[in-house]
N, C-alpha and C. Protein backbone atom coordinates (compact mmCIF):
# COMPACT_ATOMS: atom_id res chain seq x y z
N MET A 1 11.15 19.11 12.80
CA MET A 1 9.75 19.12 12.46
C MET A 1 9.30 17.77 12.06
N ASN A 2 8.08 17.35 12.53
CA ASN A 2 7.59 16.01 12.18
C ASN A 2 6.65 16.20 10.97
N TYR A 3 6.91 15.35 9.96
CA TYR A 3 6.02 15.24 8.84
C TYR A 3 5.36 13.86 8.80
N GLY A 4 4.14 13.86 8.46
CA GLY A 4 3.42 12.57 8.33
C GLY A 4 2.46 12.37 9.49
N LYS A 5 1.91 11.15 9.36
CA LYS A 5 0.94 10.69 10.34
C LYS A 5 1.23 9.22 10.63
N LYS A 6 0.60 8.72 11.69
CA LYS A 6 0.87 7.31 12.11
C LYS A 6 -0.11 6.34 11.57
N VAL A 7 -1.26 6.79 11.17
CA VAL A 7 -2.39 5.92 10.67
C VAL A 7 -2.75 6.48 9.29
N TRP A 8 -2.81 5.51 8.31
CA TRP A 8 -3.24 5.81 6.96
C TRP A 8 -4.27 4.75 6.43
N ILE A 9 -5.32 5.12 5.79
CA ILE A 9 -6.34 4.20 5.30
C ILE A 9 -6.46 4.49 3.82
N PHE A 10 -6.40 3.44 3.03
CA PHE A 10 -6.62 3.51 1.53
C PHE A 10 -7.83 2.67 1.21
N PRO A 11 -8.98 3.20 1.10
CA PRO A 11 -10.26 2.42 0.98
C PRO A 11 -10.50 1.69 -0.30
N ASP A 12 -9.81 2.10 -1.43
CA ASP A 12 -10.05 1.57 -2.65
C ASP A 12 -8.85 0.85 -3.29
N ALA A 13 -8.66 -0.39 -2.82
CA ALA A 13 -7.53 -1.20 -3.37
C ALA A 13 -8.12 -2.26 -4.31
N GLU A 14 -7.43 -2.55 -5.34
CA GLU A 14 -7.73 -3.60 -6.28
C GLU A 14 -6.62 -3.81 -7.30
N LEU A 15 -6.06 -4.97 -7.34
CA LEU A 15 -5.03 -5.30 -8.26
C LEU A 15 -5.62 -5.48 -9.64
N PRO A 16 -5.38 -4.57 -10.62
CA PRO A 16 -6.12 -4.72 -11.90
C PRO A 16 -5.44 -5.90 -12.74
N PRO A 17 -6.19 -6.48 -13.62
CA PRO A 17 -5.68 -7.64 -14.44
C PRO A 17 -4.94 -7.02 -15.62
N VAL A 18 -4.31 -7.79 -16.41
CA VAL A 18 -3.73 -7.45 -17.61
C VAL A 18 -4.73 -6.75 -18.55
N GLY A 19 -4.23 -5.63 -19.21
CA GLY A 19 -5.22 -4.85 -19.96
C GLY A 19 -4.82 -4.72 -21.37
N VAL A 20 -5.06 -3.50 -21.89
CA VAL A 20 -4.81 -3.17 -23.27
C VAL A 20 -3.36 -3.53 -23.69
N ASN A 21 -3.15 -4.20 -24.87
CA ASN A 21 -1.84 -4.53 -25.37
C ASN A 21 -1.06 -5.40 -24.41
N LEU A 22 -1.74 -6.16 -23.58
CA LEU A 22 -1.12 -7.02 -22.57
C LEU A 22 -0.26 -6.28 -21.55
N ILE A 23 -0.58 -5.11 -21.27
CA ILE A 23 0.10 -4.38 -20.29
C ILE A 23 -0.35 -4.83 -18.85
N PRO A 24 0.63 -5.26 -18.09
CA PRO A 24 0.22 -5.77 -16.72
C PRO A 24 -0.19 -4.59 -15.79
N GLY A 25 -1.23 -4.90 -15.02
CA GLY A 25 -1.57 -3.91 -13.96
C GLY A 25 -0.81 -4.11 -12.72
N HIS A 26 -0.64 -3.10 -11.86
CA HIS A 26 -0.03 -3.23 -10.57
C HIS A 26 -0.55 -2.17 -9.67
N GLU A 27 -0.30 -2.41 -8.40
CA GLU A 27 -0.64 -1.46 -7.35
C GLU A 27 0.45 -1.50 -6.32
N SER A 28 0.60 -0.40 -5.55
CA SER A 28 1.63 -0.33 -4.55
C SER A 28 1.33 0.67 -3.47
N ILE A 29 1.89 0.53 -2.37
CA ILE A 29 1.87 1.52 -1.27
C ILE A 29 3.27 1.99 -1.19
N ILE A 30 3.43 3.34 -1.16
CA ILE A 30 4.71 4.00 -1.02
C ILE A 30 4.74 4.70 0.31
N ILE A 31 5.77 4.38 1.08
CA ILE A 31 5.87 4.93 2.41
C ILE A 31 7.14 5.68 2.55
N THR A 32 7.09 7.02 3.01
CA THR A 32 8.26 7.77 3.19
C THR A 32 8.39 8.07 4.71
N ASN A 33 9.61 7.76 5.23
CA ASN A 33 9.95 8.01 6.59
C ASN A 33 11.07 9.07 6.67
N VAL A 34 10.72 10.29 7.04
CA VAL A 34 11.72 11.31 7.18
C VAL A 34 12.19 11.48 8.60
N THR A 35 11.87 10.60 9.47
CA THR A 35 12.26 10.74 10.89
C THR A 35 13.64 10.09 11.12
N ASP A 36 14.23 10.24 12.25
CA ASP A 36 15.56 9.68 12.63
C ASP A 36 15.42 8.28 13.07
N ASP A 37 14.21 7.70 13.24
CA ASP A 37 13.94 6.37 13.65
C ASP A 37 13.34 5.53 12.68
N ARG A 38 13.64 4.19 12.82
CA ARG A 38 12.98 3.21 11.92
C ARG A 38 11.40 3.24 12.19
N ALA A 39 10.68 3.05 11.08
CA ALA A 39 9.27 2.92 11.17
C ALA A 39 8.88 1.55 11.22
N ASP A 40 8.29 0.99 12.24
CA ASP A 40 7.69 -0.34 12.37
C ASP A 40 6.26 -0.19 11.90
N ILE A 41 5.91 -0.87 10.84
CA ILE A 41 4.65 -0.71 10.14
C ILE A 41 3.81 -2.04 10.34
N LYS A 42 2.53 -1.83 10.69
CA LYS A 42 1.52 -2.92 10.66
C LYS A 42 0.55 -2.56 9.46
N ILE A 43 0.46 -3.57 8.62
CA ILE A 43 -0.53 -3.37 7.47
C ILE A 43 -1.63 -4.38 7.66
N THR A 44 -2.81 -3.80 7.65
CA THR A 44 -4.08 -4.64 7.72
C THR A 44 -4.86 -4.58 6.42
N LEU A 45 -5.21 -5.63 5.88
CA LEU A 45 -6.01 -5.77 4.68
C LEU A 45 -7.44 -6.02 5.13
N ILE A 46 -8.36 -5.21 4.61
CA ILE A 46 -9.75 -5.35 5.03
C ILE A 46 -10.62 -5.74 3.82
N TYR A 47 -11.31 -6.83 3.83
CA TYR A 47 -12.06 -7.36 2.73
C TYR A 47 -13.60 -7.20 2.96
N PRO A 48 -14.36 -7.23 1.79
CA PRO A 48 -15.79 -7.16 1.97
C PRO A 48 -16.41 -8.42 2.49
N ASP A 49 -15.79 -9.59 2.35
CA ASP A 49 -16.45 -10.89 2.54
C ASP A 49 -15.64 -11.79 3.50
N ARG A 50 -14.59 -11.37 4.20
CA ARG A 50 -13.96 -12.18 5.20
C ARG A 50 -13.18 -11.31 6.18
N GLU A 51 -12.66 -11.91 7.15
CA GLU A 51 -12.01 -11.23 8.30
C GLU A 51 -10.72 -10.58 7.78
N PRO A 52 -10.32 -9.39 8.37
CA PRO A 52 -9.07 -8.74 8.01
C PRO A 52 -7.92 -9.51 8.39
N VAL A 53 -6.75 -9.32 7.58
CA VAL A 53 -5.46 -9.98 7.90
C VAL A 53 -4.48 -8.97 8.10
N SER A 54 -3.39 -9.22 8.92
CA SER A 54 -2.33 -8.17 9.15
C SER A 54 -0.97 -8.81 9.03
N PHE A 55 0.01 -7.98 8.61
CA PHE A 55 1.42 -8.38 8.60
C PHE A 55 2.20 -7.16 8.97
N HIS A 56 3.48 -7.35 9.26
CA HIS A 56 4.40 -6.21 9.68
C HIS A 56 5.56 -6.10 8.68
N THR A 57 6.02 -4.91 8.54
CA THR A 57 7.17 -4.56 7.80
C THR A 57 7.89 -3.31 8.37
N GLN A 58 8.91 -2.80 7.77
CA GLN A 58 9.65 -1.67 8.32
C GLN A 58 10.13 -0.78 7.16
N VAL A 59 10.33 0.52 7.50
CA VAL A 59 11.00 1.47 6.64
C VAL A 59 12.04 2.15 7.43
N GLU A 60 13.27 2.06 7.04
CA GLU A 60 14.37 2.62 7.83
C GLU A 60 14.29 4.17 7.86
N ALA A 61 15.00 4.71 8.82
CA ALA A 61 15.06 6.09 8.96
C ALA A 61 15.46 6.87 7.73
N ARG A 62 14.76 8.02 7.35
CA ARG A 62 15.16 8.79 6.29
C ARG A 62 15.19 8.02 5.02
N ARG A 63 14.19 7.11 4.79
CA ARG A 63 14.15 6.32 3.60
C ARG A 63 12.66 6.27 3.05
N VAL A 64 12.59 5.82 1.78
CA VAL A 64 11.33 5.52 1.17
C VAL A 64 11.25 4.09 0.79
N ARG A 65 10.06 3.55 0.87
CA ARG A 65 9.91 2.12 0.45
C ARG A 65 8.57 1.97 -0.32
N CYS A 66 8.77 1.28 -1.37
CA CYS A 66 7.59 0.90 -2.28
C CYS A 66 7.19 -0.56 -2.05
N LEU A 67 5.98 -0.77 -1.64
CA LEU A 67 5.51 -2.13 -1.42
C LEU A 67 4.53 -2.53 -2.45
N ARG A 68 4.84 -3.38 -3.41
CA ARG A 68 3.98 -3.86 -4.48
C ARG A 68 3.13 -4.95 -3.93
N THR A 69 1.76 -4.84 -4.06
CA THR A 69 0.84 -5.75 -3.46
C THR A 69 0.82 -7.08 -4.06
N ASN A 70 1.35 -7.27 -5.25
CA ASN A 70 1.43 -8.57 -5.88
C ASN A 70 2.81 -9.22 -5.82
N ARG A 71 3.69 -8.67 -5.02
CA ARG A 71 5.06 -9.35 -4.73
C ARG A 71 5.10 -9.91 -3.46
N GLU A 72 5.44 -11.18 -3.37
CA GLU A 72 5.54 -11.92 -2.14
C GLU A 72 6.56 -11.32 -1.25
N GLU A 73 7.67 -10.80 -1.84
CA GLU A 73 8.74 -10.21 -0.96
C GLU A 73 8.25 -8.96 -0.26
N ASP A 74 7.15 -8.37 -0.66
CA ASP A 74 6.57 -7.19 -0.08
C ASP A 74 5.40 -7.50 0.84
N PHE A 75 4.44 -8.31 0.32
CA PHE A 75 3.18 -8.64 1.04
C PHE A 75 3.14 -10.02 1.57
N GLY A 76 4.18 -10.85 1.40
CA GLY A 76 4.17 -12.18 1.92
C GLY A 76 3.13 -12.99 1.39
N LYS A 77 2.46 -13.80 2.22
CA LYS A 77 1.44 -14.71 1.81
C LYS A 77 0.07 -13.89 1.58
N PHE A 78 0.07 -12.66 1.79
CA PHE A 78 -1.07 -11.83 1.63
C PHE A 78 -1.10 -11.07 0.29
N THR A 79 -0.37 -11.59 -0.76
CA THR A 79 -0.29 -10.94 -2.06
C THR A 79 -1.73 -10.76 -2.62
N ALA A 80 -1.99 -9.67 -3.27
CA ALA A 80 -3.31 -9.33 -3.77
C ALA A 80 -3.69 -10.27 -4.97
N ALA A 81 -4.91 -10.56 -5.07
CA ALA A 81 -5.49 -11.37 -6.18
C ALA A 81 -6.07 -10.38 -7.20
N PHE A 82 -5.96 -10.72 -8.46
CA PHE A 82 -6.47 -9.80 -9.50
C PHE A 82 -7.93 -9.51 -9.25
N GLU A 83 -8.35 -8.30 -9.39
CA GLU A 83 -9.70 -7.73 -9.33
C GLU A 83 -10.36 -7.99 -7.99
N GLU A 84 -9.70 -8.23 -6.96
CA GLU A 84 -10.25 -8.45 -5.65
C GLU A 84 -10.30 -7.00 -4.90
N GLN A 85 -11.49 -6.61 -4.42
CA GLN A 85 -11.64 -5.41 -3.80
C GLN A 85 -11.21 -5.57 -2.33
N TYR A 86 -10.50 -4.59 -1.85
CA TYR A 86 -10.10 -4.56 -0.40
C TYR A 86 -9.73 -3.13 -0.08
N ALA A 87 -9.42 -2.91 1.24
CA ALA A 87 -8.88 -1.72 1.71
C ALA A 87 -7.63 -2.03 2.50
N ILE A 88 -6.84 -0.96 2.58
CA ILE A 88 -5.47 -1.15 3.28
C ILE A 88 -5.45 -0.11 4.39
N MET A 89 -5.05 -0.63 5.71
CA MET A 89 -4.84 0.28 6.79
C MET A 89 -3.39 0.07 7.15
N LEU A 90 -2.71 1.24 7.28
CA LEU A 90 -1.27 1.23 7.61
C LEU A 90 -1.14 1.92 8.97
N GLU A 91 -0.43 1.29 9.98
CA GLU A 91 -0.24 1.86 11.25
C GLU A 91 1.21 1.85 11.50
N SER A 92 1.79 3.03 11.86
CA SER A 92 3.30 3.20 11.99
C SER A 92 3.65 3.57 13.34
N SER A 93 4.88 3.17 13.81
CA SER A 93 5.35 3.60 15.15
C SER A 93 5.83 5.02 15.15
N VAL A 94 6.17 5.63 13.96
CA VAL A 94 6.59 7.01 13.87
C VAL A 94 5.77 7.66 12.70
N PRO A 95 5.66 8.94 12.65
CA PRO A 95 4.87 9.64 11.58
C PRO A 95 5.57 9.27 10.21
N VAL A 96 4.67 8.92 9.24
CA VAL A 96 5.23 8.67 7.92
C VAL A 96 4.19 9.29 6.94
N VAL A 97 4.64 9.51 5.69
CA VAL A 97 3.77 9.89 4.61
C VAL A 97 3.59 8.69 3.71
N ALA A 98 2.32 8.36 3.34
CA ALA A 98 1.99 7.21 2.59
C ALA A 98 1.08 7.56 1.43
N GLN A 99 1.18 6.78 0.40
CA GLN A 99 0.51 7.02 -0.89
C GLN A 99 0.13 5.66 -1.51
N TYR A 100 -0.95 5.64 -2.22
CA TYR A 100 -1.40 4.46 -2.97
C TYR A 100 -1.23 4.78 -4.36
N GLY A 101 -0.73 3.85 -5.19
CA GLY A 101 -0.63 3.95 -6.58
C GLY A 101 -1.13 2.74 -7.34
N ARG A 102 -1.79 2.95 -8.45
CA ARG A 102 -2.26 1.89 -9.26
C ARG A 102 -2.07 2.14 -10.77
N ALA A 103 -1.48 1.19 -11.45
CA ALA A 103 -1.40 1.20 -12.87
C ALA A 103 -2.56 0.43 -13.41
N GLU A 104 -3.54 1.20 -14.07
CA GLU A 104 -4.77 0.62 -14.50
C GLU A 104 -4.74 0.42 -16.04
N PRO A 105 -4.33 -0.78 -16.43
CA PRO A 105 -4.16 -1.10 -17.85
C PRO A 105 -5.44 -1.26 -18.69
N ARG A 106 -6.59 -1.36 -18.05
CA ARG A 106 -7.83 -1.47 -18.71
C ARG A 106 -8.17 -0.20 -19.42
N THR A 107 -7.73 0.89 -18.81
CA THR A 107 -7.96 2.17 -19.40
C THR A 107 -6.62 2.91 -19.79
N VAL A 108 -5.53 2.21 -19.55
CA VAL A 108 -4.17 2.66 -19.83
C VAL A 108 -3.98 3.99 -19.00
N ALA A 109 -4.09 3.87 -17.72
CA ALA A 109 -3.91 4.99 -16.82
C ALA A 109 -3.16 4.71 -15.58
N PHE A 110 -2.40 5.64 -14.93
CA PHE A 110 -1.75 5.46 -13.72
C PHE A 110 -2.25 6.58 -12.84
N TYR A 111 -2.54 6.20 -11.56
CA TYR A 111 -2.96 7.31 -10.62
C TYR A 111 -2.39 6.99 -9.27
N THR A 112 -2.24 8.05 -8.50
CA THR A 112 -1.77 7.93 -7.04
C THR A 112 -2.77 8.70 -6.30
N THR A 113 -2.89 8.32 -5.05
CA THR A 113 -3.76 9.00 -4.13
C THR A 113 -3.31 8.95 -2.67
N PRO A 114 -3.33 10.07 -2.05
CA PRO A 114 -3.00 9.97 -0.61
C PRO A 114 -4.21 9.36 0.05
N GLY A 115 -4.01 8.65 1.20
CA GLY A 115 -5.11 8.04 1.92
C GLY A 115 -5.65 9.02 2.98
N TYR A 116 -6.58 8.56 3.72
CA TYR A 116 -7.10 9.29 4.87
C TYR A 116 -6.07 9.02 6.01
N CYS A 117 -5.68 10.09 6.71
CA CYS A 117 -4.74 9.89 7.77
C CYS A 117 -5.16 10.52 9.08
N GLU A 118 -4.74 10.04 10.16
CA GLU A 118 -4.96 10.50 11.51
C GLU A 118 -3.64 10.76 12.22
């Protein structure tokens, strides 16, 4: 049985700044690949005031991967800037399940949300 979809869109991305009691904010995309094949992933970042940028990554077969948007080892030169509004589009070679998570220290909250998928 195939679980997941090949295209996911997360329209509300924003790396929150340091908040209450100096708690750092963070955001991440979590990708689960339950297929028997490696997932080749293209991630496109869409901004309100400039052209989109894209990069590629992978999630091995039957594995989960957490990509932190502020870590260069995950997002390369496209790491998120604090309080910058953007959207994330994820395109995969195999069906995956994806989720967006944000630790919001300004209100001391953490939430996750599935994206729109096709």
